[in-house]
């Protein structure tokens, strides 16, 4: 797991060019692809900030970002324009269910 907790950035996906461009025929492919980009975006921004401001692997933005997340991944639950949901929505729902179960059974 991680030392500080999980970083979650909930997003939506509007009906755009992403849907017709998907040729995988996989269920929820558009929202799952956007979900991957959430983590990539966070790490790219951290790297850009470190480059601009002189951070490094020990004390920069990237180092701090790596202390959050599930296996150093910023979760990006995505809800699509047609009600479909990415796999990180399930992780988020499971975490909420676990917390509520622990609260009500103790």
PDB file of N, CA and C in Angstrom:
ATOM      1  N   UNK A   1       0.839  -1.177   0.000  1.00  0.00           N
ATOM      2  CA  UNK A   1       0.000   0.000   0.000  1.00  0.00           C
ATOM      3  C   UNK A   1       0.879   1.233   0.000  1.00  0.00           C
ATOM      4  N   UNK A   2       0.522   2.277   0.680  1.00  0.00           N
ATOM      5  CA  UNK A   2       1.278   3.515   0.642  1.00  0.00           C
ATOM      6  C   UNK A   2       1.354   4.120   2.035  1.00  0.00           C
ATOM      7  N   UNK A   3       2.182   5.133   2.159  1.00  0.00           N
ATOM      8  CA  UNK A   3       2.395   5.684   3.487  1.00  0.00           C
ATOM      9  C   UNK A   3       1.383   6.752   3.879  1.00  0.00           C
ATOM     10  N   UNK A   4       0.838   7.506   2.944  1.00  0.00           N
ATOM     11  CA  UNK A   4      -0.027   8.633   3.289  1.00  0.00           C
ATOM     12  C   UNK A   4      -1.495   8.427   2.972  1.00  0.00           C
ATOM     13  N   UNK A   5      -1.810   7.551   2.094  1.00  0.00           N
ATOM     14  CA  UNK A   5      -3.193   7.369   1.691  1.00  0.00           C
ATOM     15  C   UNK A   5      -3.281   7.330   0.180  1.00  0.00           C
ATOM     16  N   UNK A   6      -4.482   7.206  -0.288  1.00  0.00           N
ATOM     17  CA  UNK A   6      -4.695   7.095  -1.722  1.00  0.00           C
ATOM     18  C   UNK A   6      -5.175   8.416  -2.286  1.00  0.00           C
ATOM     19  N   UNK A   7      -4.567   8.825  -3.377  1.00  0.00           N
ATOM     20  CA  UNK A   7      -4.948  10.039  -4.082  1.00  0.00           C
ATOM     21  C   UNK A   7      -6.002   9.663  -5.117  1.00  0.00           C
ATOM     22  N   UNK A   8      -7.170  10.297  -5.038  1.00  0.00           N
ATOM     23  CA  UNK A   8      -8.274   9.983  -5.942  1.00  0.00           C
ATOM     24  C   UNK A   8      -8.735  11.267  -6.613  1.00  0.00           C
ATOM     25  N   UNK A   9      -8.827  11.234  -7.941  1.00  0.00           N
ATOM     26  CA  UNK A   9      -9.296  12.376  -8.722  1.00  0.00           C
ATOM     27  C   UNK A   9     -10.450  11.900  -9.600  1.00  0.00           C
ATOM     28  N   UNK A  10     -11.682  12.153  -9.157  1.00  0.00           N
ATOM     29  CA  UNK A  10     -12.879  11.712  -9.875  1.00  0.00           C
ATOM     30  C   UNK A  10     -13.111  12.615 -11.078  1.00  0.00           C
ATOM     31  N   UNK A  11     -13.371  11.999 -12.218  1.00  0.00           N
ATOM     32  CA  UNK A  11     -13.577  12.761 -13.452  1.00  0.00           C
ATOM     33  C   UNK A  11     -14.775  12.211 -14.209  1.00  0.00           C
ATOM     34  N   UNK A  12     -15.244  13.016 -15.147  1.00  0.00           N
ATOM     35  CA  UNK A  12     -16.288  12.569 -16.067  1.00  0.00           C
ATOM     36  C   UNK A  12     -15.733  12.637 -17.486  1.00  0.00           C
ATOM     37  N   UNK A  13     -16.374  11.912 -18.374  1.00  0.00           N
ATOM     38  CA  UNK A  13     -15.971  11.901 -19.774  1.00  0.00           C
ATOM     39  C   UNK A  13     -17.175  12.307 -20.600  1.00  0.00           C
ATOM     40  N   UNK A  14     -17.042  13.390 -21.335  1.00  0.00           N
ATOM     41  CA  UNK A  14     -18.158  13.880 -22.143  1.00  0.00           C
ATOM     42  C   UNK A  14     -18.221  13.133 -23.472  1.00  0.00           C
ATOM     43  N   UNK A  15     -19.366  13.195 -24.139  1.00  0.00           N
ATOM     44  CA  UNK A  15     -19.466  12.519 -25.438  1.00  0.00           C
ATOM     45  C   UNK A  15     -18.646  13.298 -26.470  1.00  0.00           C
ATOM     46  N   UNK A  16     -17.472  12.819 -26.750  1.00  0.00           N
ATOM     47  CA  UNK A  16     -16.561  13.531 -27.650  1.00  0.00           C
ATOM     48  C   UNK A  16     -15.986  12.561 -28.666  1.00  0.00           C
ATOM     49  N   UNK A  17     -14.915  12.983 -29.278  1.00  0.00           N
ATOM     50  CA  UNK A  17     -14.273  12.154 -30.295  1.00  0.00           C
ATOM     51  C   UNK A  17     -13.684  10.872 -29.733  1.00  0.00           C
ATOM     52  N   UNK A  18     -13.532  10.773 -28.415  1.00  0.00           N
ATOM     53  CA  UNK A  18     -12.928   9.598 -27.789  1.00  0.00           C
ATOM     54  C   UNK A  18     -13.744   8.341 -28.084  1.00  0.00           C
ATOM     55  N   UNK A  19     -15.038   8.439 -28.045  1.00  0.00           N
ATOM     56  CA  UNK A  19     -15.871   7.252 -28.226  1.00  0.00           C
ATOM     57  C   UNK A  19     -15.761   6.674 -29.643  1.00  0.00           C
ATOM     58  N   UNK A  20     -15.918   7.482 -30.699  1.00  0.00           N
ATOM     59  CA  UNK A  20     -15.782   6.904 -32.040  1.00  0.00           C
ATOM     60  C   UNK A  20     -14.364   6.419 -32.343  1.00  0.00           C
ATOM     61  N   UNK A  21     -13.354   6.984 -31.682  1.00  0.00           N
ATOM     62  CA  UNK A  21     -11.974   6.586 -31.932  1.00  0.00           C
ATOM     63  C   UNK A  21     -11.635   5.240 -31.308  1.00  0.00           C
ATOM     64  N   UNK A  22     -12.457   4.759 -30.383  1.00  0.00           N
ATOM     65  CA  UNK A  22     -12.181   3.492 -29.715  1.00  0.00           C
ATOM     66  C   UNK A  22     -12.519   2.336 -30.653  1.00  0.00           C
ATOM     67  N   UNK A  23     -11.495   1.560 -30.990  1.00  0.00           N
ATOM     68  CA  UNK A  23     -11.697   0.409 -31.884  1.00  0.00           C
ATOM     69  C   UNK A  23     -11.450  -0.921 -31.169  1.00  0.00           C
ATOM     70  N   UNK A  24     -11.295  -0.883 -29.837  1.00  0.00           N
ATOM     71  CA  UNK A  24     -10.961  -2.100 -29.110  1.00  0.00           C
ATOM     72  C   UNK A  24     -12.155  -3.020 -28.911  1.00  0.00           C
ATOM     73  N   UNK A  25     -13.343  -2.465 -28.919  1.00  0.00           N
ATOM     74  CA  UNK A  25     -14.578  -3.209 -28.649  1.00  0.00           C
ATOM     75  C   UNK A  25     -14.613  -3.791 -27.242  1.00  0.00           C
ATOM     76  N   UNK A  26     -13.760  -3.280 -26.371  1.00  0.00           N
ATOM     77  CA  UNK A  26     -13.771  -3.715 -24.977  1.00  0.00           C
ATOM     78  C   UNK A  26     -14.797  -2.902 -24.211  1.00  0.00           C
ATOM     79  N   UNK A  27     -15.413  -3.551 -23.245  1.00  0.00           N
ATOM     80  CA  UNK A  27     -16.376  -2.863 -22.402  1.00  0.00           C
ATOM     81  C   UNK A  27     -15.684  -1.733 -21.636  1.00  0.00           C
ATOM     82  N   UNK A  28     -16.260  -0.561 -21.665  1.00  0.00           N
ATOM     83  CA  UNK A  28     -15.767   0.612 -20.926  1.00  0.00           C
ATOM     84  C   UNK A  28     -14.362   1.050 -21.338  1.00  0.00           C
ATOM     85  N   UNK A  29     -13.953   0.784 -22.548  1.00  0.00           N
ATOM     86  CA  UNK A  29     -12.590   1.096 -22.999  1.00  0.00           C
ATOM     87  C   UNK A  29     -12.289   2.593 -22.924  1.00  0.00           C
ATOM     88  N   UNK A  30     -13.235   3.437 -23.289  1.00  0.00           N
ATOM     89  CA  UNK A  30     -12.977   4.882 -23.298  1.00  0.00           C
ATOM     90  C   UNK A  30     -12.732   5.412 -21.886  1.00  0.00           C
ATOM     91  N   UNK A  31     -13.533   4.995 -20.916  1.00  0.00           N
ATOM     92  CA  UNK A  31     -13.339   5.486 -19.552  1.00  0.00           C
ATOM     93  C   UNK A  31     -12.099   4.876 -18.910  1.00  0.00           C
ATOM     94  N   UNK A  32     -11.792   3.624 -19.227  1.00  0.00           N
ATOM     95  CA  UNK A  32     -10.582   3.009 -18.678  1.00  0.00           C
ATOM     96  C   UNK A  32      -9.323   3.649 -19.260  1.00  0.00           C
ATOM     97  N   UNK A  33      -9.361   4.045 -20.532  1.00  0.00           N
ATOM     98  CA  UNK A  33      -8.217   4.743 -21.127  1.00  0.00           C
ATOM     99  C   UNK A  33      -8.027   6.111 -20.464  1.00  0.00           C
ATOM    100  N   UNK A  34      -9.115   6.818 -20.194  1.00  0.00           N
ATOM    101  CA  UNK A  34      -9.019   8.115 -19.513  1.00  0.00           C
ATOM    102  C   UNK A  34      -8.495   7.938 -18.098  1.00  0.00           C
ATOM    103  N   UNK A  35      -8.897   6.859 -17.458  1.00  0.00           N
ATOM    104  CA  UNK A  35      -8.444   6.551 -16.100  1.00  0.00           C
ATOM    105  C   UNK A  35      -6.921   6.430 -16.057  1.00  0.00           C
ATOM    106  N   UNK A  36      -6.328   5.786 -17.033  1.00  0.00           N
ATOM    107  CA  UNK A  36      -4.870   5.629 -17.103  1.00  0.00           C
ATOM    108  C   UNK A  36      -4.198   6.991 -17.254  1.00  0.00           C
ATOM    109  N   UNK A  37      -4.798   7.855 -18.059  1.00  0.00           N
ATOM    110  CA  UNK A  37      -4.215   9.185 -18.291  1.00  0.00           C
ATOM    111  C   UNK A  37      -4.223  10.064 -17.037  1.00  0.00           C
ATOM    112  N   UNK A  38      -5.147   9.836 -16.114  1.00  0.00           N
ATOM    113  CA  UNK A  38      -5.165  10.616 -14.869  1.00  0.00           C
ATOM    114  C   UNK A  38      -3.833  10.448 -14.141  1.00  0.00           C
ATOM    115  N   UNK A  39      -3.412   9.212 -13.946  1.00  0.00           N
ATOM    116  CA  UNK A  39      -2.145   8.949 -13.266  1.00  0.00           C
ATOM    117  C   UNK A  39      -0.971   9.519 -14.063  1.00  0.00           C
ATOM    118  N   UNK A  40      -0.977   9.309 -15.363  1.00  0.00           N
ATOM    119  CA  UNK A  40       0.102   9.824 -16.207  1.00  0.00           C
ATOM    120  C   UNK A  40       0.189  11.344 -16.115  1.00  0.00           C
ATOM    121  N   UNK A  41      -0.958  12.006 -16.108  1.00  0.00           N
ATOM    122  CA  UNK A  41      -0.986  13.470 -16.010  1.00  0.00           C
ATOM    123  C   UNK A  41      -0.384  13.956 -14.695  1.00  0.00           C
ATOM    124  N   UNK A  42      -0.745  13.293 -13.599  1.00  0.00           N
ATOM    125  CA  UNK A  42      -0.200  13.694 -12.291  1.00  0.00           C
ATOM    126  C   UNK A  42       1.321  13.581 -12.271  1.00  0.00           C
ATOM    127  N   UNK A  43       1.836  12.467 -12.782  1.00  0.00           N
ATOM    128  CA  UNK A  43       3.283  12.260 -12.761  1.00  0.00           C
ATOM    129  C   UNK A  43       4.011  13.193 -13.732  1.00  0.00           C
ATOM    130  N   UNK A  44       3.385  13.503 -14.863  1.00  0.00           N
ATOM    131  CA  UNK A  44       3.996  14.444 -15.807  1.00  0.00           C
ATOM    132  C   UNK A  44       4.065  15.844 -15.203  1.00  0.00           C
ATOM    133  N   UNK A  45       2.992  16.265 -14.568  1.00  0.00           N
ATOM    134  CA  UNK A  45       2.978  17.592 -13.934  1.00  0.00           C
ATOM    135  C   UNK A  45       4.031  17.667 -12.833  1.00  0.00           C
ATOM    136  N   UNK A  46       4.140  16.621 -12.019  1.00  0.00           N
ATOM    137  CA  UNK A  46       5.154  16.604 -10.952  1.00  0.00           C
ATOM    138  C   UNK A  46       6.555  16.687 -11.546  1.00  0.00           C
ATOM    139  N   UNK A  47       6.790  15.951 -12.616  1.00  0.00           N
ATOM    140  CA  UNK A  47       8.114  15.968 -13.264  1.00  0.00           C
ATOM    141  C   UNK A  47       8.406  17.356 -13.840  1.00  0.00           C
ATOM    142  N   UNK A  48       7.414  17.969 -14.484  1.00  0.00           N
ATOM    143  CA  UNK A  48       7.595  19.317 -15.040  1.00  0.00           C
ATOM    144  C   UNK A  48       7.893  20.336 -13.940  1.00  0.00           C
ATOM    145  N   UNK A  49       7.197  20.235 -12.819  1.00  0.00           N
ATOM    146  CA  UNK A  49       7.451  21.144 -11.696  1.00  0.00           C
ATOM    147  C   UNK A  49       8.858  20.938 -11.134  1.00  0.00           C
ATOM    148  N   UNK A  50       9.278  19.692 -11.011  1.00  0.00           N
ATOM    149  CA  UNK A  50      10.630  19.419 -10.521  1.00  0.00           C
ATOM    150  C   UNK A  50      11.682  19.996 -11.463  1.00  0.00           C
ATOM    151  N   UNK A  51      11.439  19.882 -12.755  1.00  0.00           N
ATOM    152  CA  UNK A  51      12.374  20.433 -13.738  1.00  0.00           C
ATOM    153  C   UNK A  51      12.449  21.951 -13.624  1.00  0.00           C
ATOM    154  N   UNK A  52      11.298  22.590 -13.520  1.00  0.00           N
ATOM    155  CA  UNK A  52      11.249  24.058 -13.438  1.00  0.00           C
ATOM    156  C   UNK A  52      11.794  24.590 -12.125  1.00  0.00           C
ATOM    157  N   UNK A  53      11.514  23.884 -11.026  1.00  0.00           N
ATOM    158  CA  UNK A  53      11.821  24.427  -9.704  1.00  0.00           C
ATOM    159  C   UNK A  53      13.003  23.747  -9.019  1.00  0.00           C
ATOM    160  N   UNK A  54      13.642  22.808  -9.698  1.00  0.00           N
ATOM    161  CA  UNK A  54      14.846  22.203  -9.150  1.00  0.00           C
ATOM    162  C   UNK A  54      14.623  21.085  -8.160  1.00  0.00           C
ATOM    163  N   UNK A  55      13.481  20.441  -8.185  1.00  0.00           N
ATOM    164  CA  UNK A  55      13.241  19.311  -7.290  1.00  0.00           C
ATOM    165  C   UNK A  55      13.965  18.073  -7.785  1.00  0.00           C
ATOM    166  N   UNK A  56      14.162  17.120  -6.906  1.00  0.00           N
ATOM    167  CA  UNK A  56      14.797  15.869  -7.308  1.00  0.00           C
ATOM    168  C   UNK A  56      14.025  14.680  -6.736  1.00  0.00           C
ATOM    169  N   UNK A  57      14.594  13.475  -6.890  1.00  0.00           N
ATOM    170  CA  UNK A  57      13.893  12.265  -6.476  1.00  0.00           C
ATOM    171  C   UNK A  57      13.753  12.134  -4.964  1.00  0.00           C
ATOM    172  N   UNK A  58      14.519  12.908  -4.197  1.00  0.00           N
ATOM    173  CA  UNK A  58      14.429  12.820  -2.739  1.00  0.00           C
ATOM    174  C   UNK A  58      13.476  13.857  -2.141  1.00  0.00           C
ATOM    175  N   UNK A  59      13.388  15.035  -2.749  1.00  0.00           N
ATOM    176  CA  UNK A  59      12.579  16.080  -2.123  1.00  0.00           C
ATOM    177  C   UNK A  59      11.706  16.873  -3.099  1.00  0.00           C
ATOM    178  N   UNK A  60      11.519  16.380  -4.282  1.00  0.00           N
ATOM    179  CA  UNK A  60      10.725  17.104  -5.265  1.00  0.00           C
ATOM    180  C   UNK A  60       9.255  16.720  -5.239  1.00  0.00           C
ATOM    181  N   UNK A  61       8.521  17.310  -6.176  1.00  0.00           N
ATOM    182  CA  UNK A  61       7.098  17.019  -6.302  1.00  0.00           C
ATOM    183  C   UNK A  61       6.869  15.549  -6.643  1.00  0.00           C
ATOM    184  N   UNK A  62       7.700  14.996  -7.519  1.00  0.00           N
ATOM    185  CA  UNK A  62       7.573  13.582  -7.886  1.00  0.00           C
ATOM    186  C   UNK A  62       7.775  12.666  -6.696  1.00  0.00           C
ATOM    187  N   UNK A  63       8.757  13.010  -5.857  1.00  0.00           N
ATOM    188  CA  UNK A  63       9.013  12.200  -4.656  1.00  0.00           C
ATOM    189  C   UNK A  63       7.815  12.255  -3.715  1.00  0.00           C
ATOM    190  N   UNK A  64       7.261  13.426  -3.539  1.00  0.00           N
ATOM    191  CA  UNK A  64       6.084  13.566  -2.668  1.00  0.00           C
ATOM    192  C   UNK A  64       4.882  12.833  -3.259  1.00  0.00           C
ATOM    193  N   UNK A  65       4.674  12.954  -4.562  1.00  0.00           N
ATOM    194  CA  UNK A  65       3.559  12.269  -5.216  1.00  0.00           C
ATOM    195  C   UNK A  65       3.678  10.758  -5.047  1.00  0.00           C
ATOM    196  N   UNK A  66       4.895  10.250  -5.064  1.00  0.00           N
ATOM    197  CA  UNK A  66       5.111   8.807  -4.928  1.00  0.00           C
ATOM    198  C   UNK A  66       4.782   8.274  -3.540  1.00  0.00           C
ATOM    199  N   UNK A  67       4.586   9.154  -2.563  1.00  0.00           N
ATOM    200  CA  UNK A  67       4.207   8.701  -1.227  1.00  0.00           C
ATOM    201  C   UNK A  67       2.702   8.488  -1.105  1.00  0.00           C
ATOM    202  N   UNK A  68       1.956   8.902  -2.115  1.00  0.00           N
ATOM    203  CA  UNK A  68       0.510   8.723  -2.139  1.00  0.00           C
ATOM    204  C   UNK A  68       0.160   7.613  -3.120  1.00  0.00           C
ATOM    205  N   UNK A  69      -1.058   7.152  -3.036  1.00  0.00           N
ATOM    206  CA  UNK A  69      -1.597   6.282  -4.059  1.00  0.00           C
ATOM    207  C   UNK A  69      -1.501   4.813  -3.756  1.00  0.00           C
ATOM    208  N   UNK A  70      -2.244   4.090  -4.488  1.00  0.00           N
ATOM    209  CA  UNK A  70      -2.246   2.628  -4.408  1.00  0.00           C
ATOM    210  C   UNK A  70      -1.149   2.160  -5.353  1.00  0.00           C
ATOM    211  N   UNK A  71      -0.066   1.654  -4.796  1.00  0.00           N
ATOM    212  CA  UNK A  71       1.117   1.265  -5.573  1.00  0.00           C
ATOM    213  C   UNK A  71       1.648   2.442  -6.400  1.00  0.00           C
ATOM    214  N   UNK A  72       1.656   3.631  -5.780  1.00  0.00           N
ATOM    215  CA  UNK A  72       2.155   4.871  -6.390  1.00  0.00           C
ATOM    216  C   UNK A  72       1.305   5.340  -7.572  1.00  0.00           C
ATOM    217  N   UNK A  73       0.050   4.907  -7.635  1.00  0.00           N
ATOM    218  CA  UNK A  73      -0.847   5.278  -8.723  1.00  0.00           C
ATOM    219  C   UNK A  73      -1.944   6.173  -8.173  1.00  0.00           C
ATOM    220  N   UNK A  74      -2.100   7.334  -8.782  1.00  0.00           N
ATOM    221  CA  UNK A  74      -3.232   8.202  -8.461  1.00  0.00           C
ATOM    222  C   UNK A  74      -4.464   7.599  -9.127  1.00  0.00           C
ATOM    223  N   UNK A  75      -5.447   7.255  -8.323  1.00  0.00           N
ATOM    224  CA  UNK A  75      -6.651   6.644  -8.872  1.00  0.00           C
ATOM    225  C   UNK A  75      -7.488   7.686  -9.596  1.00  0.00           C
ATOM    226  N   UNK A  76      -8.063   7.272 -10.716  1.00  0.00           N
ATOM    227  CA  UNK A  76      -8.892   8.171 -11.502  1.00  0.00           C
ATOM    228  C   UNK A  76     -10.206   7.527 -11.864  1.00  0.00           C
ATOM    229  N   UNK A  77     -11.131   7.437 -10.908  1.00  0.00           N
ATOM    230  CA  UNK A  77     -12.439   6.885 -11.269  1.00  0.00           C
ATOM    231  C   UNK A  77     -13.132   7.802 -12.278  1.00  0.00           C
ATOM    232  N   UNK A  78     -13.589   7.226 -13.369  1.00  0.00           N
ATOM    233  CA  UNK A  78     -14.196   8.003 -14.454  1.00  0.00           C
ATOM    234  C   UNK A  78     -15.615   7.506 -14.683  1.00  0.00           C
ATOM    235  N   UNK A  79     -16.545   8.447 -14.803  1.00  0.00           N
ATOM    236  CA  UNK A  79     -17.916   8.131 -15.201  1.00  0.00           C
ATOM    237  C   UNK A  79     -18.105   8.714 -16.592  1.00  0.00           C
ATOM    238  N   UNK A  80     -18.502   7.850 -17.527  1.00  0.00           N
ATOM    239  CA  UNK A  80     -18.638   8.263 -18.916  1.00  0.00           C
ATOM    240  C   UNK A  80     -19.978   8.912 -19.225  1.00  0.00           C
ATOM    241  N   UNK A  81     -20.060   9.419 -20.426  1.00  0.00           N
ATOM    242  CA  UNK A  81     -21.251  10.135 -20.882  1.00  0.00           C
ATOM    243  C   UNK A  81     -22.482   9.240 -20.964  1.00  0.00           C
ATOM    244  N   UNK A  82     -22.257   7.943 -21.053  1.00  0.00           N
ATOM    245  CA  UNK A  82     -23.371   7.015 -21.208  1.00  0.00           C
ATOM    246  C   UNK A  82     -23.577   6.156 -19.957  1.00  0.00           C
ATOM    247  N   UNK A  83     -23.031   6.636 -18.825  1.00  0.00           N
ATOM    248  CA  UNK A  83     -23.221   5.954 -17.556  1.00  0.00           C
ATOM    249  C   UNK A  83     -22.223   4.852 -17.270  1.00  0.00           C
ATOM    250  N   UNK A  84     -21.308   4.604 -18.180  1.00  0.00           N
ATOM    251  CA  UNK A  84     -20.317   3.564 -17.937  1.00  0.00           C
ATOM    252  C   UNK A  84     -19.260   4.074 -16.963  1.00  0.00           C
ATOM    253  N   UNK A  85     -18.636   3.157 -16.242  1.00  0.00           N
ATOM    254  CA  UNK A  85     -17.679   3.538 -15.206  1.00  0.00           C
ATOM    255  C   UNK A  85     -16.389   2.754 -15.363  1.00  0.00           C
ATOM    256  N   UNK A  86     -15.277   3.423 -15.036  1.00  0.00           N
ATOM    257  CA  UNK A  86     -13.969   2.772 -15.109  1.00  0.00           C
ATOM    258  C   UNK A  86     -13.765   1.849 -13.917  1.00  0.00           C
ATOM    259  N   UNK A  87     -12.739   1.032 -13.991  1.00  0.00           N
ATOM    260  CA  UNK A  87     -12.489   0.042 -12.943  1.00  0.00           C
ATOM    261  C   UNK A  87     -12.121   0.674 -11.603  1.00  0.00           C
ATOM    262  N   UNK A  88     -11.600   1.892 -11.604  1.00  0.00           N
ATOM    263  CA  UNK A  88     -11.276   2.544 -10.331  1.00  0.00           C
ATOM    264  C   UNK A  88     -12.523   2.936  -9.549  1.00  0.00           C
ATOM    265  N   UNK A  89     -13.673   3.040 -10.207  1.00  0.00           N
ATOM    266  CA  UNK A  89     -14.923   3.297  -9.493  1.00  0.00           C
ATOM    267  C   UNK A  89     -15.207   2.118  -8.560  1.00  0.00           C
ATOM    268  N   UNK A  90     -14.950   0.906  -9.035  1.00  0.00           N
ATOM    269  CA  UNK A  90     -15.147  -0.283  -8.201  1.00  0.00           C
ATOM    270  C   UNK A  90     -14.226  -0.257  -6.980  1.00  0.00           C
ATOM    271  N   UNK A  91     -12.967   0.144  -7.166  1.00  0.00           N
ATOM    272  CA  UNK A  91     -12.035   0.237  -6.037  1.00  0.00           C
ATOM    273  C   UNK A  91     -12.527   1.237  -5.001  1.00  0.00           C
ATOM    274  N   UNK A  92     -13.030   2.361  -5.491  1.00  0.00           N
ATOM    275  CA  UNK A  92     -13.538   3.409  -4.605  1.00  0.00           C
ATOM    276  C   UNK A  92     -14.766   2.903  -3.839  1.00  0.00           C
ATOM    277  N   UNK A  93     -15.678   2.246  -4.538  1.00  0.00           N
ATOM    278  CA  UNK A  93     -16.883   1.694  -3.897  1.00  0.00           C
ATOM    279  C   UNK A  93     -16.508   0.634  -2.860  1.00  0.00           C
ATOM    280  N   UNK A  94     -15.529  -0.196  -3.177  1.00  0.00           N
ATOM    281  CA  UNK A  94     -15.074  -1.214  -2.218  1.00  0.00           C
ATOM    282  C   UNK A  94     -14.497  -0.576  -0.959  1.00  0.00           C
ATOM    283  N   UNK A  95     -13.708   0.490  -1.124  1.00  0.00           N
ATOM    284  CA  UNK A  95     -13.117   1.172   0.032  1.00  0.00           C
ATOM    285  C   UNK A  95     -14.207   1.785   0.913  1.00  0.00           C
ATOM    286  N   UNK A  96     -15.224   2.362   0.298  1.00  0.00           N
ATOM    287  CA  UNK A  96     -16.339   2.942   1.056  1.00  0.00           C
ATOM    288  C   UNK A  96     -17.099   1.838   1.790  1.00  0.00           C
ATOM    289  N   UNK A  97     -17.355   0.734   1.101  1.00  0.00           N
ATOM    290  CA  UNK A  97     -18.067  -0.389   1.731  1.00  0.00           C
ATOM    291  C   UNK A  97     -17.273  -0.950   2.909  1.00  0.00           C
ATOM    292  N   UNK A  98     -15.956  -1.084   2.748  1.00  0.00           N
ATOM    293  CA  UNK A  98     -15.111  -1.577   3.848  1.00  0.00           C
ATOM    294  C   UNK A  98     -15.169  -0.642   5.051  1.00  0.00           C
ATOM    295  N   UNK A  99     -15.087   0.664   4.794  1.00  0.00           N
ATOM    296  CA  UNK A  99     -15.115   1.644   5.890  1.00  0.00           C
ATOM    297  C   UNK A  99     -16.464   1.621   6.612  1.00  0.00           C
ATOM    298  N   UNK A 100     -17.543   1.544   5.842  1.00  0.00           N
ATOM    299  CA  UNK A 100     -18.869   1.504   6.470  1.00  0.00           C
ATOM    300  C   UNK A 100     -19.083   0.212   7.250  1.00  0.00           C
ATOM    301  N   UNK A 101     -18.590  -0.900   6.717  1.00  0.00           N
ATOM    302  CA  UNK A 101     -18.696  -2.180   7.408  1.00  0.00           C
ATOM    303  C   UNK A 101     -17.949  -2.125   8.749  1.00  0.00           C
ATOM    304  N   UNK A 102     -16.723  -1.609   8.696  1.00  0.00           N
ATOM    305  CA  UNK A 102     -15.918  -1.501   9.924  1.00  0.00           C
ATOM    306  C   UNK A 102     -16.602  -0.587  10.945  1.00  0.00           C
ATOM    307  N   UNK A 103     -17.191   0.499  10.458  1.00  0.00           N
ATOM    308  CA  UNK A 103     -17.858   1.457  11.350  1.00  0.00           C
ATOM    309  C   UNK A 103     -19.071   0.836  12.030  1.00  0.00           C
ATOM    310  N   UNK A 104     -19.845   0.069  11.287  1.00  0.00           N
ATOM    311  CA  UNK A 104     -21.096  -0.475  11.817  1.00  0.00           C
ATOM    312  C   UNK A 104     -20.952  -1.799  12.540  1.00  0.00           C
ATOM    313  N   UNK A 105     -19.811  -2.462  12.377  1.00  0.00           N
ATOM    314  CA  UNK A 105     -19.618  -3.755  13.031  1.00  0.00           C
ATOM    315  C   UNK A 105     -18.702  -3.680  14.239  1.00  0.00           C
ATOM    316  N   UNK A 106     -18.220  -2.480  14.569  1.00  0.00           N
ATOM    317  CA  UNK A 106     -17.353  -2.361  15.744  1.00  0.00           C
ATOM    318  C   UNK A 106     -18.091  -1.726  16.906  1.00  0.00           C
TER     319      UNK A 106
END
